[in-house]
C-alpha atoms as a PDB file:
ATOM      1  CA  UNK A   1      -4.394  17.234   0.344  1.00  0.00           C
ATOM      2  CA  UNK A   2      -7.261  19.676   0.573  1.00  0.00           C
ATOM      3  CA  UNK A   3      -7.718  21.406  -2.738  1.00  0.00           C
ATOM      4  CA  UNK A   4      -9.241  24.872  -2.536  1.00  0.00           C
ATOM      5  CA  UNK A   5     -12.976  24.711  -3.135  1.00  0.00           C
ATOM      6  CA  UNK A   6     -14.274  26.636  -6.081  1.00  0.00           C
ATOM      7  CA  UNK A   7     -16.599  28.993  -4.232  1.00  0.00           C
ATOM      8  CA  UNK A   8     -17.927  30.841  -7.215  1.00  0.00           C
ATOM      9  CA  UNK A   9     -20.441  29.291  -9.612  1.00  0.00           C
ATOM     10  CA  UNK A  10     -21.335  25.623  -9.611  1.00  0.00           C
ATOM     11  CA  UNK A  11     -19.553  23.063  -7.493  1.00  0.00           C
ATOM     12  CA  UNK A  12     -16.647  21.515  -9.362  1.00  0.00           C
ATOM     13  CA  UNK A  13     -16.048  18.042  -7.919  1.00  0.00           C
ATOM     14  CA  UNK A  14     -12.526  16.744  -7.300  1.00  0.00           C
ATOM     15  CA  UNK A  15     -10.892  14.688 -10.011  1.00  0.00           C
ATOM     16  CA  UNK A  16      -7.614  13.038 -10.937  1.00  0.00           C
ATOM     17  CA  UNK A  17      -6.198  16.528 -11.441  1.00  0.00           C
ATOM     18  CA  UNK A  18      -6.290  16.985  -7.651  1.00  0.00           C
ATOM     19  CA  UNK A  19      -3.676  14.228  -7.374  1.00  0.00           C
ATOM     20  CA  UNK A  20      -1.198  16.103  -9.571  1.00  0.00           C
ATOM     21  CA  UNK A  21       1.306  18.382  -7.845  1.00  0.00           C
ATOM     22  CA  UNK A  22       3.586  21.000  -9.298  1.00  0.00           C
ATOM     23  CA  UNK A  23       7.205  20.790  -8.103  1.00  0.00           C
ATOM     24  CA  UNK A  24       7.748  22.649  -4.830  1.00  0.00           C
ATOM     25  CA  UNK A  25      10.825  24.158  -6.421  1.00  0.00           C
ATOM     26  CA  UNK A  26      12.508  23.659  -9.762  1.00  0.00           C
ATOM     27  CA  UNK A  27      10.900  21.825 -12.662  1.00  0.00           C
ATOM     28  CA  UNK A  28      11.555  18.187 -11.772  1.00  0.00           C
ATOM     29  CA  UNK A  29       8.826  15.840 -10.523  1.00  0.00           C
ATOM     30  CA  UNK A  30      11.390  14.620  -7.990  1.00  0.00           C
ATOM     31  CA  UNK A  31      10.736  17.799  -6.010  1.00  0.00           C
ATOM     32  CA  UNK A  32       6.958  17.325  -5.792  1.00  0.00           C
ATOM     33  CA  UNK A  33       4.929  16.667  -2.642  1.00  0.00           C
ATOM     34  CA  UNK A  34       4.442  12.869  -3.109  1.00  0.00           C
ATOM     35  CA  UNK A  35       8.194  12.318  -3.455  1.00  0.00           C
ATOM     36  CA  UNK A  36       8.902  14.358  -0.348  1.00  0.00           C
ATOM     37  CA  UNK A  37       6.256  12.392   1.546  1.00  0.00           C
ATOM     38  CA  UNK A  38       7.911   9.107   0.568  1.00  0.00           C
ATOM     39  CA  UNK A  39      11.278  10.446   1.746  1.00  0.00           C
ATOM     40  CA  UNK A  40       9.649  11.649   4.969  1.00  0.00           C
ATOM     41  CA  UNK A  41       8.140   8.210   5.556  1.00  0.00           C
ATOM     42  CA  UNK A  42      11.586   6.596   5.351  1.00  0.00           C
ATOM     43  CA  UNK A  43      12.951   9.046   7.922  1.00  0.00           C
ATOM     44  CA  UNK A  44       9.956   8.619  10.230  1.00  0.00           C
ATOM     45  CA  UNK A  45       9.901   4.813  10.135  1.00  0.00           C
ATOM     46  CA  UNK A  46      13.665   4.499  10.584  1.00  0.00           C
ATOM     47  CA  UNK A  47      13.732   7.050  13.406  1.00  0.00           C
ATOM     48  CA  UNK A  48      10.839   5.443  15.258  1.00  0.00           C
ATOM     49  CA  UNK A  49      12.318   1.960  15.329  1.00  0.00           C
ATOM     50  CA  UNK A  50      15.855   3.146  16.060  1.00  0.00           C
ATOM     51  CA  UNK A  51      14.617   5.187  19.026  1.00  0.00           C
ATOM     52  CA  UNK A  52      12.292   2.439  20.259  1.00  0.00           C
ATOM     53  CA  UNK A  53      15.126  -0.134  20.235  1.00  0.00           C
ATOM     54  CA  UNK A  54      17.899   2.129  21.545  1.00  0.00           C
ATOM     55  CA  UNK A  55      17.237   1.446  25.241  1.00  0.00           C
ATOM     56  CA  UNK A  56      15.696  -1.994  25.014  1.00  0.00           C
ATOM     57  CA  UNK A  57      14.864  -3.507  28.397  1.00  0.00           C
ATOM     58  CA  UNK A  58      13.295  -6.673  29.776  1.00  0.00           C
ATOM     59  CA  UNK A  59      10.382  -4.540  30.914  1.00  0.00           C
ATOM     60  CA  UNK A  60       9.739  -2.496  27.750  1.00  0.00           C
ATOM     61  CA  UNK A  61       8.811   1.151  27.667  1.00  0.00           C
ATOM     62  CA  UNK A  62       5.672   2.176  25.779  1.00  0.00           C
ATOM     63  CA  UNK A  63       7.732   3.067  22.724  1.00  0.00           C
ATOM     64  CA  UNK A  64       9.644  -0.200  22.822  1.00  0.00           C
ATOM     65  CA  UNK A  65       6.404  -2.120  23.322  1.00  0.00           C
ATOM     66  CA  UNK A  66       4.861  -0.434  20.268  1.00  0.00           C
ATOM     67  CA  UNK A  67       7.903  -1.137  18.081  1.00  0.00           C
ATOM     68  CA  UNK A  68       8.143  -4.756  19.207  1.00  0.00           C
ATOM     69  CA  UNK A  69       4.413  -5.170  18.717  1.00  0.00           C
ATOM     70  CA  UNK A  70       4.597  -4.157  15.064  1.00  0.00           C
ATOM     71  CA  UNK A  71       7.665  -6.335  14.473  1.00  0.00           C
ATOM     72  CA  UNK A  72       6.092  -9.355  16.208  1.00  0.00           C
ATOM     73  CA  UNK A  73       2.923  -8.946  14.165  1.00  0.00           C
ATOM     74  CA  UNK A  74       4.810  -9.066  10.866  1.00  0.00           C
ATOM     75  CA  UNK A  75       7.215 -11.757  12.057  1.00  0.00           C
ATOM     76  CA  UNK A  76       4.639 -14.172  13.471  1.00  0.00           C
ATOM     77  CA  UNK A  77       1.307 -13.421  11.806  1.00  0.00           C
ATOM     78  CA  UNK A  78       2.682 -12.920   8.303  1.00  0.00           C
ATOM     79  CA  UNK A  79       6.183 -14.387   8.083  1.00  0.00           C
ATOM     80  CA  UNK A  80       5.973 -17.501  10.228  1.00  0.00           C
ATOM     81  CA  UNK A  81       2.345 -18.410   9.605  1.00  0.00           C
ATOM     82  CA  UNK A  82       2.514 -17.960   5.839  1.00  0.00           C
ATOM     83  CA  UNK A  83       6.053 -18.841   4.735  1.00  0.00           C
ATOM     84  CA  UNK A  84       6.880 -21.544   7.276  1.00  0.00           C
ATOM     85  CA  UNK A  85      10.277 -22.814   8.494  1.00  0.00           C
ATOM     86  CA  UNK A  86      12.372 -20.543   6.251  1.00  0.00           C
ATOM     87  CA  UNK A  87      10.486 -17.381   7.201  1.00  0.00           C
ATOM     88  CA  UNK A  88      13.186 -15.576   9.212  1.00  0.00           C
ATOM     89  CA  UNK A  89      15.327 -14.601   6.229  1.00  0.00           C
ATOM     90  CA  UNK A  90      12.343 -12.807   4.685  1.00  0.00           C
ATOM     91  CA  UNK A  91      11.165 -10.974   7.807  1.00  0.00           C
ATOM     92  CA  UNK A  92      13.352  -7.851   7.219  1.00  0.00           C
ATOM     93  CA  UNK A  93      11.877  -7.420   3.743  1.00  0.00           C
ATOM     94  CA  UNK A  94       8.292  -8.016   4.881  1.00  0.00           C
ATOM     95  CA  UNK A  95       8.722  -5.753   7.911  1.00  0.00           C
ATOM     96  CA  UNK A  96      10.160  -2.933   5.798  1.00  0.00           C
ATOM     97  CA  UNK A  97       7.420  -3.348   3.209  1.00  0.00           C
ATOM     98  CA  UNK A  98       4.612  -3.293   5.787  1.00  0.00           C
ATOM     99  CA  UNK A  99       5.824  -0.259   7.738  1.00  0.00           C
ATOM    100  CA  UNK A 100       6.671   1.701   4.589  1.00  0.00           C
ATOM    101  CA  UNK A 101       3.268   1.141   2.965  1.00  0.00           C
ATOM    102  CA  UNK A 102       1.427   1.751   6.240  1.00  0.00           C
ATOM    103  CA  UNK A 103       3.193   5.055   6.907  1.00  0.00           C
ATOM    104  CA  UNK A 104       2.594   6.349   3.374  1.00  0.00           C
ATOM    105  CA  UNK A 105      -1.058   5.313   3.502  1.00  0.00           C
ATOM    106  CA  UNK A 106      -1.692   7.019   6.841  1.00  0.00           C
ATOM    107  CA  UNK A 107      -0.318  10.283   5.451  1.00  0.00           C
ATOM    108  CA  UNK A 108      -3.740  10.572   3.801  1.00  0.00           C
ATOM    109  CA  UNK A 109      -5.437  11.478   7.092  1.00  0.00           C
ATOM    110  CA  UNK A 110      -2.642  13.400   8.837  1.00  0.00           C
ATOM    111  CA  UNK A 111      -3.426  17.146   9.013  1.00  0.00           C
ATOM    112  CA  UNK A 112      -1.329  19.382   6.734  1.00  0.00           C
ATOM    113  CA  UNK A 113       0.043  16.354   4.867  1.00  0.00           C
ATOM    114  CA  UNK A 114      -3.316  14.851   3.867  1.00  0.00           C
ATOM    115  CA  UNK A 115      -2.202  12.859   0.871  1.00  0.00           C
ATOM    116  CA  UNK A 116      -1.609   9.075   0.679  1.00  0.00           C
ATOM    117  CA  UNK A 117       1.561   8.594  -1.350  1.00  0.00           C
ATOM    118  CA  UNK A 118       0.326   5.231  -2.620  1.00  0.00           C
ATOM    119  CA  UNK A 119      -2.478   6.989  -4.510  1.00  0.00           C
ATOM    120  CA  UNK A 120       0.183   7.797  -7.115  1.00  0.00           C
ATOM    121  CA  UNK A 121       0.462   4.665  -9.245  1.00  0.00           C
ATOM    122  CA  UNK A 122       4.245   4.857  -9.641  1.00  0.00           C
ATOM    123  CA  UNK A 123       4.942   4.016  -6.001  1.00  0.00           C
ATOM    124  CA  UNK A 124       2.797   0.836  -5.815  1.00  0.00           C
ATOM    125  CA  UNK A 125       4.316  -0.297  -9.118  1.00  0.00           C
ATOM    126  CA  UNK A 126       7.829   0.175  -7.729  1.00  0.00           C
ATOM    127  CA  UNK A 127       6.967  -1.891  -4.641  1.00  0.00           C
ATOM    128  CA  UNK A 128       5.334  -4.588  -6.777  1.00  0.00           C
ATOM    129  CA  UNK A 129       8.527  -4.805  -8.843  1.00  0.00           C
ATOM    130  CA  UNK A 130      10.537  -5.442  -5.662  1.00  0.00           C
ATOM    131  CA  UNK A 131       8.115  -8.221  -4.693  1.00  0.00           C
ATOM    132  CA  UNK A 132       8.185  -9.600  -8.241  1.00  0.00           C
ATOM    133  CA  UNK A 133      11.979  -9.808  -8.283  1.00  0.00           C
ATOM    134  CA  UNK A 134      12.207 -11.307  -4.782  1.00  0.00           C
ATOM    135  CA  UNK A 135       9.755 -14.160  -5.209  1.00  0.00           C
ATOM    136  CA  UNK A 136      11.002 -15.132  -8.666  1.00  0.00           C
ATOM    137  CA  UNK A 137      14.618 -15.013  -7.454  1.00  0.00           C
ATOM    138  CA  UNK A 138      13.707 -17.187  -4.471  1.00  0.00           C
ATOM    139  CA  UNK A 139      11.882 -19.678  -6.690  1.00  0.00           C
ATOM    140  CA  UNK A 140      14.688 -19.907  -9.240  1.00  0.00           C
ATOM    141  CA  UNK A 141      17.333 -20.266  -6.529  1.00  0.00           C
ATOM    142  CA  UNK A 142      15.330 -22.943  -4.732  1.00  0.00           C
ATOM    143  CA  UNK A 143      14.275 -25.021  -7.733  1.00  0.00           C
ATOM    144  CA  UNK A 144      16.589 -24.000 -10.550  1.00  0.00           C
ATOM    145  CA  UNK A 145      15.432 -21.960 -13.540  1.00  0.00           C
ATOM    146  CA  UNK A 146      14.328 -24.909 -15.688  1.00  0.00           C
ATOM    147  CA  UNK A 147      12.265 -26.669 -13.007  1.00  0.00           C
ATOM    148  CA  UNK A 148      10.793 -23.387 -11.724  1.00  0.00           C
ATOM    149  CA  UNK A 149       9.483 -22.356 -15.148  1.00  0.00           C
ATOM    150  CA  UNK A 150       8.367 -25.921 -15.923  1.00  0.00           C
ATOM    151  CA  UNK A 151       6.366 -26.183 -12.694  1.00  0.00           C
ATOM    152  CA  UNK A 152       4.675 -22.871 -13.473  1.00  0.00           C
ATOM    153  CA  UNK A 153       3.782 -23.675 -17.052  1.00  0.00           C
ATOM    154  CA  UNK A 154       3.053 -27.398 -16.758  1.00  0.00           C
ATOM    155  CA  UNK A 155       1.039 -28.245 -13.662  1.00  0.00           C
ATOM    156  CA  UNK A 156       1.520 -31.950 -12.815  1.00  0.00           C
ATOM    157  CA  UNK A 157      -1.420 -34.358 -12.971  1.00  0.00           C
ATOM    158  CA  UNK A 158      -3.221 -32.469 -15.743  1.00  0.00           C
ATOM    159  CA  UNK A 159      -4.121 -34.025 -19.147  1.00  0.00           C
ATOM    160  CA  UNK A 160      -1.679 -32.867 -21.798  1.00  0.00           C
ATOM    161  CA  UNK A 161      -4.320 -31.299 -24.037  1.00  0.00           C
ATOM    162  CA  UNK A 162      -5.313 -28.982 -21.152  1.00  0.00           C
ATOM    163  CA  UNK A 163      -1.831 -27.392 -21.314  1.00  0.00           C
ATOM    164  CA  UNK A 164      -2.897 -25.592 -24.494  1.00  0.00           C
ATOM    165  CA  UNK A 165      -5.190 -23.444 -22.333  1.00  0.00           C
ATOM    166  CA  UNK A 166      -3.584 -23.771 -18.918  1.00  0.00           C
ATOM    167  CA  UNK A 167       0.049 -22.965 -19.770  1.00  0.00           C
ATOM    168  CA  UNK A 168      -0.555 -19.442 -21.162  1.00  0.00           C
ATOM    169  CA  UNK A 169      -2.904 -18.688 -18.254  1.00  0.00           C
ATOM    170  CA  UNK A 170      -0.408 -19.848 -15.608  1.00  0.00           C
ATOM    171  CA  UNK A 171       2.469 -18.022 -17.285  1.00  0.00           C
ATOM    172  CA  UNK A 172       0.467 -14.800 -17.472  1.00  0.00           C
ATOM    173  CA  UNK A 173      -0.665 -15.199 -13.853  1.00  0.00           C
ATOM    174  CA  UNK A 174       2.847 -15.538 -12.432  1.00  0.00           C
ATOM    175  CA  UNK A 175       4.648 -13.044 -14.651  1.00  0.00           C
ATOM    176  CA  UNK A 176       2.004 -10.396 -15.497  1.00  0.00           C
ATOM    177  CA  UNK A 177      -1.208 -10.610 -13.461  1.00  0.00           C
ATOM    178  CA  UNK A 178       0.340 -10.919 -10.005  1.00  0.00           C
ATOM    179  CA  UNK A 179       2.504  -7.791 -10.087  1.00  0.00           C
ATOM    180  CA  UNK A 180      -0.221  -5.838 -11.900  1.00  0.00           C
ATOM    181  CA  UNK A 181      -2.998  -6.688  -9.430  1.00  0.00           C
ATOM    182  CA  UNK A 182      -0.681  -6.235  -6.438  1.00  0.00           C
ATOM    183  CA  UNK A 183       0.092  -2.643  -7.412  1.00  0.00           C
ATOM    184  CA  UNK A 184      -3.359  -1.731  -8.771  1.00  0.00           C
ATOM    185  CA  UNK A 185      -5.174  -2.979  -5.658  1.00  0.00           C
ATOM    186  CA  UNK A 186      -3.145  -0.708  -3.371  1.00  0.00           C
ATOM    187  CA  UNK A 187      -3.309   2.249  -5.749  1.00  0.00           C
ATOM    188  CA  UNK A 188      -7.064   1.974  -6.404  1.00  0.00           C
ATOM    189  CA  UNK A 189      -7.993   1.764  -2.732  1.00  0.00           C
ATOM    190  CA  UNK A 190      -5.865   4.754  -1.750  1.00  0.00           C
ATOM    191  CA  UNK A 191      -7.010   6.795  -4.749  1.00  0.00           C
ATOM    192  CA  UNK A 192     -10.708   6.077  -4.248  1.00  0.00           C
ATOM    193  CA  UNK A 193     -10.614   6.651  -0.503  1.00  0.00           C
ATOM    194  CA  UNK A 194      -8.856   9.990  -0.794  1.00  0.00           C
ATOM    195  CA  UNK A 195     -11.187  11.060  -3.604  1.00  0.00           C
ATOM    196  CA  UNK A 196     -14.225  10.391  -1.398  1.00  0.00           C
ATOM    197  CA  UNK A 197     -12.723  12.451   1.412  1.00  0.00           C
ATOM    198  CA  UNK A 198     -12.175  15.308  -1.035  1.00  0.00           C
ATOM    199  CA  UNK A 199     -15.769  15.096  -2.293  1.00  0.00           C
ATOM    200  CA  UNK A 200     -17.343  15.483   1.148  1.00  0.00           C
ATOM    201  CA  UNK A 201     -14.807  18.003   2.453  1.00  0.00           C
ATOM    202  CA  UNK A 202     -14.900  20.248  -0.594  1.00  0.00           C
ATOM    203  CA  UNK A 203     -18.657  19.778  -0.853  1.00  0.00           C
ATOM    204  CA  UNK A 204     -19.058  20.978   2.714  1.00  0.00           C
ATOM    205  CA  UNK A 205     -16.908  24.034   2.014  1.00  0.00           C
ATOM    206  CA  UNK A 206     -18.984  24.829  -1.061  1.00  0.00           C
ATOM    207  CA  UNK A 207     -22.280  24.526   0.844  1.00  0.00           C
ATOM    208  CA  UNK A 208     -21.012  26.904   3.519  1.00  0.00           C
ATOM    209  CA  UNK A 209     -20.790  29.632   0.882  1.00  0.00           C
ATOM    210  CA  UNK A 210     -24.423  29.159  -0.217  1.00  0.00           C
ATOM    211  CA  UNK A 211     -27.855  29.738   1.369  1.00  0.00           C
ATOM    212  CA  UNK A 212     -28.755  29.140   5.009  1.00  0.00           C
ATOM    213  CA  UNK A 213     -30.322  25.786   4.170  1.00  0.00           C
ATOM    214  CA  UNK A 214     -27.164  24.744   2.349  1.00  0.00           C
ATOM    215  CA  UNK A 215     -25.084  25.851   5.324  1.00  0.00           C
ATOM    216  CA  UNK A 216     -27.119  23.487   7.513  1.00  0.00           C
ATOM    217  CA  UNK A 217     -26.653  20.648   5.022  1.00  0.00           C
ATOM    218  CA  UNK A 218     -22.896  21.290   5.043  1.00  0.00           C
ATOM    219  CA  UNK A 219     -22.860  19.899   8.603  1.00  0.00           C
ATOM    220  CA  UNK A 220     -23.854  16.497   7.207  1.00  0.00           C
ATOM    221  CA  UNK A 221     -21.202  16.706   4.508  1.00  0.00           C
ATOM    222  CA  UNK A 222     -18.489  17.449   7.052  1.00  0.00           C
ATOM    223  CA  UNK A 223     -19.919  14.712   9.277  1.00  0.00           C
ATOM    224  CA  UNK A 224     -19.562  12.187   6.464  1.00  0.00           C
ATOM    225  CA  UNK A 225     -15.999  13.401   5.893  1.00  0.00           C
ATOM    226  CA  UNK A 226     -15.134  12.803   9.552  1.00  0.00           C
ATOM    227  CA  UNK A 227     -16.733   9.353   9.514  1.00  0.00           C
ATOM    228  CA  UNK A 228     -14.930   8.453   6.296  1.00  0.00           C
ATOM    229  CA  UNK A 229     -11.639   9.529   7.852  1.00  0.00           C
ATOM    230  CA  UNK A 230     -11.953   6.818  10.507  1.00  0.00           C
ATOM    231  CA  UNK A 231     -13.081   4.314   7.883  1.00  0.00           C
ATOM    232  CA  UNK A 232     -10.179   5.301   5.639  1.00  0.00           C
ATOM    233  CA  UNK A 233      -7.743   4.719   8.495  1.00  0.00           C
ATOM    234  CA  UNK A 234      -8.939   1.116   8.698  1.00  0.00           C
ATOM    235  CA  UNK A 235      -8.612   0.685   4.933  1.00  0.00           C
ATOM    236  CA  UNK A 236      -5.094   2.140   4.984  1.00  0.00           C
ATOM    237  CA  UNK A 237      -3.982  -0.358   7.635  1.00  0.00           C
ATOM    238  CA  UNK A 238      -5.755  -3.219   5.850  1.00  0.00           C
ATOM    239  CA  UNK A 239      -4.137  -2.455   2.498  1.00  0.00           C
ATOM    240  CA  UNK A 240      -0.656  -2.404   4.051  1.00  0.00           C
ATOM    241  CA  UNK A 241      -1.427  -5.799   5.589  1.00  0.00           C
ATOM    242  CA  UNK A 242      -2.844  -7.251   2.351  1.00  0.00           C
ATOM    243  CA  UNK A 243       0.121  -6.067   0.274  1.00  0.00           C
ATOM    244  CA  UNK A 244       2.578  -7.655   2.728  1.00  0.00           C
ATOM    245  CA  UNK A 245       0.491 -10.809   3.132  1.00  0.00           C
ATOM    246  CA  UNK A 246       0.295 -11.386  -0.633  1.00  0.00           C
ATOM    247  CA  UNK A 247       4.041 -10.860  -0.896  1.00  0.00           C
ATOM    248  CA  UNK A 248       4.554 -13.537   1.765  1.00  0.00           C
ATOM    249  CA  UNK A 249       2.131 -15.859  -0.049  1.00  0.00           C
ATOM    250  CA  UNK A 250       4.017 -15.444  -3.314  1.00  0.00           C
ATOM    251  CA  UNK A 251       7.322 -16.186  -1.579  1.00  0.00           C
ATOM    252  CA  UNK A 252       5.805 -19.251   0.118  1.00  0.00           C
ATOM    253  CA  UNK A 253       4.520 -20.453  -3.237  1.00  0.00           C
ATOM    254  CA  UNK A 254       7.943 -20.004  -4.817  1.00  0.00           C
ATOM    255  CA  UNK A 255       9.504 -22.107  -2.053  1.00  0.00           C
ATOM    256  CA  UNK A 256       6.911 -24.890  -2.202  1.00  0.00           C
ATOM    257  CA  UNK A 257       7.864 -28.153  -3.864  1.00  0.00           C
ATOM    258  CA  UNK A 258       4.705 -27.965  -5.958  1.00  0.00           C
ATOM    259  CA  UNK A 259       3.896 -24.335  -6.812  1.00  0.00           C
END
């Protein structure tokens, strides 16, 4: 999103208000730009992988190679390496999670879209809830509810008096801290990165409307914006990877005999 620069008076820097969108039509938030971008990401991801796999061949086309490359990365580097022997049943979830987050993050640097959906806190929270439900369900199914909760709250090999401190900490970590940090990490990185891009882009626009010296300085502002765009692309890919990797780690921990 590129908010119109306030060309008159002093420069008004971007703020959280620049992440709020009025509904495109109607009065419901469901018809706002971030929601449409999320829906668009589902269509784009599904279409890409359906098309890339439609005419699969032994010698893959470029599109098939790209699709298989992404799948193999999630399957082997995240699923197999992190979860272990039981990884295959979780690959569809991890693959969907990775591609969905990646696509919505990259929207932040695509012209005319220019808004990372994950910079709206509701979407990372929703994804964290899915992860939360999956890894607790897996742990309970694998160990049984009683043993699963007991292993979380009462770590074996620890003096009993330590449980007074350790049990509340472990309980909070598994049931509160994990989903909170998982969602906040993704949200904060996308929010901060997009805010920086707005600062340099809008700052450059504002300088263009000032004196000749300021017009010259605007070149540096736009230059920083371009450089940050490439940097932001790396962060967007990294955050999609981290979110998926942590999900796999939580699932692996839920499956472990001692977790």
